[in-house]
Amino acid sequence: MIRTLAAITFLFISPVIFAAPVPKEVRARPDHVGKWQNVNVDPNNPAVILSRGQFWYLGDDGSFNYQDQDEQGSPPPKSERLVFEPKTGHVQHSLIAADEKIRLGCYKIDGNRITMNLNAGSGVPRPTGFESGANGNIWHLQRVEEKK
């Protein structure tokens, strides 16, 4: 009788004792998310970086805002989106309010620098490289460490 009672008690209590917590899915923050400064990069010496006086704010949800360097406060809301596809290296830029064109491009992230090449709009093929004249407009962004 005691063995039976012990066995029944063990059957009811063991799932509570041995149940492992279900891990929550933790999604890593994409590399492109954050505050970036639009810069010029000297093609002859990529270590030479000059500010173009504009900050870009890239969100995880594809949101894209920018403001001039001398503006204070939060960036103004824009009807633009930049969608990054890390597996392919493709980027898509939508200017929803301005002209409803979707610009296709490619990008690469190297440490604290993003290089993007965006085409001129509808009907123009997606650029495949980052050299000048590679079928688009090349943008260089340098990550800005925000003060905490």
N, C-alpha and C. Protein backbone atom coordinates (compact mmCIF):
# COMPACT_ATOMS: atom_id res chain seq x y z
N MET A 1 0.81 -1.18 0.00
CA MET A 1 0.00 0.00 0.00
C MET A 1 0.87 1.26 0.00
N ILE A 2 1.94 1.26 0.82
CA ILE A 2 2.82 2.43 0.89
C ILE A 2 3.53 2.61 -0.45
N ARG A 3 3.93 1.48 -1.06
CA ARG A 3 4.59 1.58 -2.37
C ARG A 3 3.65 2.16 -3.41
N THR A 4 2.42 1.74 -3.40
CA THR A 4 1.45 2.24 -4.36
C THR A 4 1.21 3.73 -4.15
N LEU A 5 1.07 4.13 -2.90
CA LEU A 5 0.87 5.54 -2.59
C LEU A 5 2.09 6.37 -3.00
N ALA A 6 3.28 5.86 -2.76
CA ALA A 6 4.52 6.54 -3.15
C ALA A 6 4.60 6.66 -4.67
N ALA A 7 4.24 5.61 -5.39
CA ALA A 7 4.29 5.62 -6.86
C ALA A 7 3.30 6.63 -7.42
N ILE A 8 2.10 6.68 -6.86
CA ILE A 8 1.09 7.63 -7.34
C ILE A 8 1.54 9.06 -7.05
N THR A 9 2.07 9.29 -5.86
CA THR A 9 2.56 10.63 -5.50
C THR A 9 3.68 11.04 -6.44
N PHE A 10 4.61 10.12 -6.74
CA PHE A 10 5.72 10.41 -7.64
C PHE A 10 5.20 10.77 -9.03
N LEU A 11 4.20 10.05 -9.52
CA LEU A 11 3.65 10.32 -10.86
C LEU A 11 3.04 11.73 -10.95
N PHE A 12 2.42 12.18 -9.88
CA PHE A 12 1.80 13.51 -9.91
C PHE A 12 2.80 14.63 -9.65
N ILE A 13 3.83 14.37 -8.86
CA ILE A 13 4.78 15.42 -8.50
C ILE A 13 5.95 15.51 -9.49
N SER A 14 6.35 14.41 -10.09
CA SER A 14 7.54 14.41 -10.95
C SER A 14 7.45 15.38 -12.13
N PRO A 15 6.29 15.55 -12.78
CA PRO A 15 6.27 16.55 -13.87
C PRO A 15 6.57 17.96 -13.37
N VAL A 16 6.17 18.28 -12.18
CA VAL A 16 6.44 19.61 -11.63
C VAL A 16 7.91 19.76 -11.30
N ILE A 17 8.52 18.70 -10.74
CA ILE A 17 9.92 18.76 -10.34
C ILE A 17 10.84 18.76 -11.54
N PHE A 18 10.55 17.92 -12.52
CA PHE A 18 11.48 17.74 -13.64
C PHE A 18 11.13 18.56 -14.88
N ALA A 19 10.05 19.29 -14.84
CA ALA A 19 9.67 20.09 -16.01
C ALA A 19 10.63 21.26 -16.16
N ALA A 20 11.22 21.34 -17.33
CA ALA A 20 12.13 22.45 -17.62
C ALA A 20 11.31 23.63 -18.14
N PRO A 21 11.72 24.84 -17.81
CA PRO A 21 10.99 25.99 -18.36
C PRO A 21 11.13 26.03 -19.87
N VAL A 22 10.08 26.43 -20.52
CA VAL A 22 10.10 26.53 -21.98
C VAL A 22 10.86 27.79 -22.34
N PRO A 23 11.94 27.64 -23.11
CA PRO A 23 12.72 28.84 -23.46
C PRO A 23 11.92 29.76 -24.37
N LYS A 24 12.02 31.05 -24.11
CA LYS A 24 11.37 32.04 -24.95
C LYS A 24 12.28 32.32 -26.13
N GLU A 25 11.65 32.55 -27.27
CA GLU A 25 12.43 32.86 -28.46
C GLU A 25 13.03 34.25 -28.31
N VAL A 26 14.33 34.31 -28.39
CA VAL A 26 15.02 35.60 -28.30
C VAL A 26 15.52 35.94 -29.69
N ARG A 27 15.02 37.02 -30.23
CA ARG A 27 15.42 37.43 -31.56
C ARG A 27 16.54 38.45 -31.46
N ALA A 28 17.62 38.19 -32.14
CA ALA A 28 18.76 39.12 -32.12
C ALA A 28 18.38 40.42 -32.83
N ARG A 29 18.91 41.51 -32.33
CA ARG A 29 18.68 42.81 -32.97
C ARG A 29 19.45 42.84 -34.29
N PRO A 30 18.78 43.16 -35.38
CA PRO A 30 19.48 43.21 -36.67
C PRO A 30 20.63 44.20 -36.64
N ASP A 31 21.67 43.90 -37.40
CA ASP A 31 22.87 44.74 -37.43
C ASP A 31 22.62 46.16 -37.91
N HIS A 32 21.61 46.36 -38.74
CA HIS A 32 21.40 47.69 -39.33
C HIS A 32 20.63 48.64 -38.42
N VAL A 33 20.03 48.14 -37.35
CA VAL A 33 19.19 48.98 -36.49
C VAL A 33 20.05 49.96 -35.69
N GLY A 34 19.62 51.22 -35.65
CA GLY A 34 20.33 52.20 -34.84
C GLY A 34 20.44 53.55 -35.51
N LYS A 35 21.33 54.36 -34.97
CA LYS A 35 21.56 55.71 -35.47
C LYS A 35 22.85 55.70 -36.29
N TRP A 36 22.78 56.26 -37.49
CA TRP A 36 23.91 56.27 -38.41
C TRP A 36 24.11 57.69 -38.92
N GLN A 37 25.34 58.00 -39.30
CA GLN A 37 25.61 59.30 -39.91
C GLN A 37 25.97 59.08 -41.37
N ASN A 38 25.35 59.87 -42.23
CA ASN A 38 25.62 59.83 -43.65
C ASN A 38 27.00 60.47 -43.87
N VAL A 39 27.90 59.74 -44.49
CA VAL A 39 29.27 60.22 -44.65
C VAL A 39 29.75 60.08 -46.09
N ASN A 40 30.76 60.84 -46.43
CA ASN A 40 31.50 60.67 -47.69
C ASN A 40 32.73 59.86 -47.38
N VAL A 41 33.02 58.90 -48.22
CA VAL A 41 34.22 58.10 -48.07
C VAL A 41 35.12 58.37 -49.27
N ASP A 42 36.37 58.72 -49.00
CA ASP A 42 37.34 58.97 -50.06
C ASP A 42 37.61 57.65 -50.79
N PRO A 43 37.31 57.56 -52.10
CA PRO A 43 37.52 56.29 -52.81
C PRO A 43 38.98 55.85 -52.86
N ASN A 44 39.90 56.82 -52.76
CA ASN A 44 41.32 56.48 -52.78
C ASN A 44 41.84 56.06 -51.42
N ASN A 45 41.13 56.45 -50.36
CA ASN A 45 41.55 56.10 -49.01
C ASN A 45 40.30 55.92 -48.14
N PRO A 46 39.74 54.70 -48.08
CA PRO A 46 38.50 54.47 -47.35
C PRO A 46 38.56 54.82 -45.87
N ALA A 47 39.75 55.05 -45.32
CA ALA A 47 39.86 55.44 -43.92
C ALA A 47 39.48 56.90 -43.71
N VAL A 48 39.45 57.70 -44.80
CA VAL A 48 39.10 59.11 -44.70
C VAL A 48 37.58 59.24 -44.82
N ILE A 49 36.96 59.68 -43.73
CA ILE A 49 35.50 59.80 -43.68
C ILE A 49 35.14 61.24 -43.34
N LEU A 50 34.27 61.83 -44.13
CA LEU A 50 33.81 63.19 -43.88
C LEU A 50 32.30 63.18 -43.69
N SER A 51 31.82 63.91 -42.70
CA SER A 51 30.39 63.97 -42.43
C SER A 51 29.66 64.69 -43.55
N ARG A 52 28.48 64.19 -43.89
CA ARG A 52 27.61 64.88 -44.84
C ARG A 52 26.51 65.60 -44.08
N GLY A 53 26.60 65.61 -42.73
CA GLY A 53 25.69 66.40 -41.92
C GLY A 53 24.28 65.88 -41.81
N GLN A 54 24.08 64.58 -41.91
CA GLN A 54 22.74 64.04 -41.81
C GLN A 54 22.77 62.74 -41.03
N PHE A 55 21.82 62.57 -40.10
CA PHE A 55 21.70 61.32 -39.34
C PHE A 55 20.55 60.50 -39.89
N TRP A 56 20.76 59.20 -39.97
CA TRP A 56 19.73 58.26 -40.40
C TRP A 56 19.39 57.37 -39.21
N TYR A 57 18.11 57.15 -38.99
CA TYR A 57 17.63 56.28 -37.91
C TYR A 57 16.96 55.08 -38.57
N LEU A 58 17.54 53.90 -38.39
CA LEU A 58 17.02 52.69 -39.02
C LEU A 58 16.39 51.81 -37.95
N GLY A 59 15.13 51.46 -38.14
CA GLY A 59 14.40 50.65 -37.18
C GLY A 59 14.28 49.20 -37.61
N ASP A 60 14.01 48.34 -36.66
CA ASP A 60 13.84 46.91 -36.89
C ASP A 60 12.63 46.64 -37.79
N ASP A 61 11.63 47.51 -37.74
CA ASP A 61 10.40 47.31 -38.50
C ASP A 61 10.48 47.89 -39.91
N GLY A 62 11.65 48.33 -40.34
CA GLY A 62 11.80 48.91 -41.66
C GLY A 62 11.66 50.42 -41.66
N SER A 63 11.36 50.99 -40.49
CA SER A 63 11.20 52.45 -40.44
C SER A 63 12.53 53.13 -40.74
N PHE A 64 12.42 54.27 -41.38
CA PHE A 64 13.61 55.01 -41.79
C PHE A 64 13.30 56.50 -41.64
N ASN A 65 14.03 57.15 -40.78
CA ASN A 65 13.90 58.59 -40.58
C ASN A 65 15.27 59.22 -40.66
N TYR A 66 15.30 60.48 -41.02
CA TYR A 66 16.59 61.17 -41.02
C TYR A 66 16.37 62.62 -40.62
N GLN A 67 17.44 63.25 -40.18
CA GLN A 67 17.40 64.67 -39.85
C GLN A 67 18.79 65.25 -40.02
N ASP A 68 18.82 66.56 -40.25
CA ASP A 68 20.10 67.24 -40.40
C ASP A 68 20.83 67.26 -39.07
N GLN A 69 22.13 67.40 -39.14
CA GLN A 69 22.99 67.32 -37.97
C GLN A 69 22.66 68.37 -36.92
N ASP A 70 22.23 69.55 -37.34
CA ASP A 70 22.00 70.63 -36.38
C ASP A 70 20.59 70.61 -35.78
N GLU A 71 19.73 69.69 -36.18
CA GLU A 71 18.39 69.60 -35.61
C GLU A 71 18.45 68.87 -34.27
N GLN A 72 17.60 69.29 -33.34
CA GLN A 72 17.58 68.70 -32.00
C GLN A 72 16.33 67.84 -31.85
N GLY A 73 16.39 66.92 -30.90
CA GLY A 73 15.22 66.11 -30.59
C GLY A 73 15.09 64.89 -31.48
N SER A 74 13.93 64.28 -31.42
CA SER A 74 13.66 63.07 -32.19
C SER A 74 13.53 63.41 -33.67
N PRO A 75 13.87 62.45 -34.53
CA PRO A 75 13.72 62.71 -35.97
C PRO A 75 12.25 62.79 -36.33
N PRO A 76 11.91 63.60 -37.33
CA PRO A 76 10.51 63.72 -37.74
C PRO A 76 10.03 62.43 -38.40
N PRO A 77 8.75 62.10 -38.28
CA PRO A 77 8.24 60.90 -38.93
C PRO A 77 8.24 61.07 -40.44
N LYS A 78 8.58 60.04 -41.13
CA LYS A 78 8.60 60.06 -42.60
C LYS A 78 7.78 58.89 -43.12
N SER A 79 7.34 59.00 -44.34
CA SER A 79 6.62 57.90 -44.97
C SER A 79 7.58 57.14 -45.86
N GLU A 80 8.68 56.75 -45.29
CA GLU A 80 9.68 55.99 -46.03
C GLU A 80 10.00 54.72 -45.28
N ARG A 81 10.42 53.72 -46.00
CA ARG A 81 10.82 52.46 -45.37
C ARG A 81 12.07 51.94 -46.07
N LEU A 82 12.95 51.36 -45.27
CA LEU A 82 14.13 50.66 -45.79
C LEU A 82 14.06 49.25 -45.24
N VAL A 83 13.88 48.27 -46.09
CA VAL A 83 13.76 46.89 -45.65
C VAL A 83 15.03 46.15 -46.05
N PHE A 84 15.75 45.66 -45.03
CA PHE A 84 17.00 44.94 -45.25
C PHE A 84 16.73 43.43 -45.25
N GLU A 85 17.35 42.73 -46.17
CA GLU A 85 17.25 41.28 -46.25
C GLU A 85 18.63 40.69 -46.02
N PRO A 86 18.94 40.33 -44.76
CA PRO A 86 20.30 39.89 -44.43
C PRO A 86 20.77 38.66 -45.20
N LYS A 87 19.87 37.73 -45.52
CA LYS A 87 20.30 36.49 -46.19
C LYS A 87 20.77 36.74 -47.61
N THR A 88 20.19 37.75 -48.28
CA THR A 88 20.54 38.01 -49.68
C THR A 88 21.43 39.23 -49.86
N GLY A 89 21.47 40.11 -48.84
CA GLY A 89 22.22 41.35 -49.00
C GLY A 89 21.44 42.38 -49.79
N HIS A 90 20.12 42.17 -49.97
CA HIS A 90 19.29 43.11 -50.71
C HIS A 90 18.65 44.11 -49.76
N VAL A 91 18.35 45.28 -50.29
CA VAL A 91 17.64 46.31 -49.54
C VAL A 91 16.58 46.89 -50.47
N GLN A 92 15.45 47.28 -49.88
CA GLN A 92 14.38 47.89 -50.65
C GLN A 92 13.97 49.18 -49.97
N HIS A 93 13.92 50.26 -50.75
CA HIS A 93 13.61 51.59 -50.21
C HIS A 93 12.29 52.04 -50.83
N SER A 94 11.32 52.35 -49.98
CA SER A 94 10.03 52.82 -50.47
C SER A 94 9.82 54.27 -50.05
N LEU A 95 9.59 55.14 -51.02
CA LEU A 95 9.21 56.53 -50.74
C LEU A 95 7.72 56.61 -50.94
N ILE A 96 6.98 56.21 -49.95
CA ILE A 96 5.54 56.05 -50.09
C ILE A 96 4.85 57.37 -50.42
N ALA A 97 5.11 58.41 -49.65
CA ALA A 97 4.39 59.67 -49.84
C ALA A 97 4.92 60.46 -51.04
N ALA A 98 6.22 60.43 -51.24
CA ALA A 98 6.83 61.30 -52.24
C ALA A 98 6.45 60.91 -53.67
N ASP A 99 6.82 59.74 -54.10
CA ASP A 99 6.56 59.37 -55.49
C ASP A 99 6.10 57.92 -55.65
N GLU A 100 5.90 57.24 -54.56
CA GLU A 100 5.44 55.85 -54.55
C GLU A 100 6.36 54.90 -55.32
N LYS A 101 7.59 55.32 -55.56
CA LYS A 101 8.55 54.45 -56.23
C LYS A 101 9.21 53.54 -55.21
N ILE A 102 9.55 52.37 -55.67
CA ILE A 102 10.33 51.45 -54.84
C ILE A 102 11.69 51.33 -55.49
N ARG A 103 12.71 51.64 -54.70
CA ARG A 103 14.08 51.54 -55.19
C ARG A 103 14.69 50.26 -54.65
N LEU A 104 15.27 49.49 -55.53
CA LEU A 104 15.92 48.25 -55.15
C LEU A 104 17.41 48.48 -55.03
N GLY A 105 18.04 47.75 -54.14
CA GLY A 105 19.47 47.92 -53.99
C GLY A 105 20.12 46.75 -53.30
N CYS A 106 21.38 46.93 -53.00
CA CYS A 106 22.14 45.93 -52.25
C CYS A 106 22.88 46.68 -51.15
N TYR A 107 23.29 45.94 -50.14
CA TYR A 107 24.00 46.57 -49.04
C TYR A 107 25.00 45.59 -48.45
N LYS A 108 25.96 46.15 -47.73
CA LYS A 108 26.88 45.33 -46.95
C LYS A 108 27.20 46.09 -45.67
N ILE A 109 27.37 45.33 -44.60
CA ILE A 109 27.74 45.91 -43.32
C ILE A 109 29.13 45.42 -42.98
N ASP A 110 30.02 46.35 -42.72
CA ASP A 110 31.39 46.03 -42.35
C ASP A 110 31.68 46.76 -41.04
N GLY A 111 31.50 46.05 -39.92
CA GLY A 111 31.72 46.67 -38.62
C GLY A 111 30.69 47.75 -38.36
N ASN A 112 31.16 48.99 -38.23
CA ASN A 112 30.29 50.12 -37.96
C ASN A 112 30.00 50.94 -39.21
N ARG A 113 30.05 50.31 -40.36
CA ARG A 113 29.78 51.02 -41.60
C ARG A 113 28.83 50.21 -42.49
N ILE A 114 27.83 50.90 -43.03
CA ILE A 114 26.93 50.31 -44.03
C ILE A 114 27.23 50.99 -45.35
N THR A 115 27.34 50.20 -46.40
CA THR A 115 27.42 50.72 -47.75
C THR A 115 26.19 50.22 -48.49
N MET A 116 25.44 51.13 -49.10
CA MET A 116 24.24 50.77 -49.86
C MET A 116 24.37 51.31 -51.27
N ASN A 117 23.82 50.57 -52.19
CA ASN A 117 23.71 51.03 -53.57
C ASN A 117 22.25 50.88 -53.96
N LEU A 118 21.55 52.01 -54.16
CA LEU A 118 20.13 52.00 -54.51
C LEU A 118 19.95 52.47 -55.95
N ASN A 119 19.07 51.77 -56.70
CA ASN A 119 18.82 52.17 -58.08
C ASN A 119 17.96 53.42 -58.15
N ALA A 120 17.65 53.87 -59.36
CA ALA A 120 16.93 55.13 -59.54
C ALA A 120 15.42 54.97 -59.47
N GLY A 121 14.90 53.77 -59.34
CA GLY A 121 13.45 53.60 -59.22
C GLY A 121 12.91 52.51 -60.12
N SER A 122 11.61 52.53 -60.32
CA SER A 122 10.90 51.50 -61.07
C SER A 122 11.51 51.26 -62.45
N GLY A 123 11.61 50.01 -62.80
CA GLY A 123 12.10 49.63 -64.12
C GLY A 123 13.61 49.55 -64.23
N VAL A 124 14.32 49.99 -63.22
CA VAL A 124 15.78 49.93 -63.24
C VAL A 124 16.21 48.69 -62.46
N PRO A 125 17.08 47.85 -63.03
CA PRO A 125 17.47 46.63 -62.32
C PRO A 125 18.19 46.92 -61.00
N ARG A 126 18.12 45.93 -60.11
CA ARG A 126 18.79 46.03 -58.82
C ARG A 126 20.31 46.07 -59.03
N PRO A 127 21.02 47.02 -58.42
CA PRO A 127 22.48 47.02 -58.52
C PRO A 127 23.06 45.77 -57.88
N THR A 128 24.20 45.36 -58.36
CA THR A 128 24.83 44.16 -57.81
C THR A 128 26.17 44.45 -57.16
N GLY A 129 26.70 45.64 -57.32
CA GLY A 129 28.00 45.96 -56.74
C GLY A 129 28.01 47.31 -56.07
N PHE A 130 29.19 47.70 -55.59
CA PHE A 130 29.32 48.93 -54.82
C PHE A 130 30.32 49.91 -55.45
N GLU A 131 30.78 49.65 -56.64
CA GLU A 131 31.69 50.58 -57.29
C GLU A 131 30.89 51.68 -57.98
N SER A 132 31.54 52.86 -58.19
CA SER A 132 30.81 53.96 -58.82
C SER A 132 30.37 53.55 -60.22
N GLY A 133 29.22 54.05 -60.58
CA GLY A 133 28.66 53.73 -61.89
C GLY A 133 28.05 52.34 -61.93
N ALA A 134 27.81 51.73 -60.77
CA ALA A 134 27.26 50.37 -60.74
C ALA A 134 25.73 50.41 -60.70
N ASN A 135 25.15 51.24 -61.59
CA ASN A 135 23.71 51.22 -61.77
C ASN A 135 22.93 51.75 -60.58
N GLY A 136 23.46 52.75 -59.87
CA GLY A 136 22.70 53.27 -58.73
C GLY A 136 23.40 54.40 -58.02
N ASN A 137 22.88 54.72 -56.84
CA ASN A 137 23.45 55.75 -55.98
C ASN A 137 24.05 55.08 -54.75
N ILE A 138 25.31 55.36 -54.49
CA ILE A 138 26.01 54.72 -53.37
C ILE A 138 25.94 55.62 -52.14
N TRP A 139 25.55 55.03 -51.01
CA TRP A 139 25.45 55.71 -49.73
C TRP A 139 26.38 55.04 -48.73
N HIS A 140 27.05 55.83 -47.93
CA HIS A 140 27.90 55.32 -46.87
C HIS A 140 27.35 55.84 -45.54
N LEU A 141 27.14 54.95 -44.60
CA LEU A 141 26.67 55.32 -43.27
C LEU A 141 27.65 54.82 -42.23
N GLN A 142 27.95 55.66 -41.27
CA GLN A 142 28.84 55.31 -40.16
C GLN A 142 27.99 55.26 -38.89
N ARG A 143 28.10 54.15 -38.12
CA ARG A 143 27.30 54.01 -36.89
C ARG A 143 27.69 55.09 -35.89
N VAL A 144 26.67 55.66 -35.25
CA VAL A 144 26.87 56.68 -34.22
C VAL A 144 26.51 56.05 -32.89
N GLU A 145 27.43 56.08 -31.97
CA GLU A 145 27.15 55.58 -30.63
C GLU A 145 26.40 56.66 -29.87
N GLU A 146 25.17 56.36 -29.52
CA GLU A 146 24.37 57.35 -28.80
C GLU A 146 24.79 57.42 -27.34
N LYS A 147 24.75 58.62 -26.79
CA LYS A 147 25.09 58.80 -25.37
C LYS A 147 23.98 58.20 -24.54
N LYS A 148 24.37 57.54 -23.45
CA LYS A 148 23.37 56.92 -22.59
C LYS A 148 23.18 57.69 -21.33
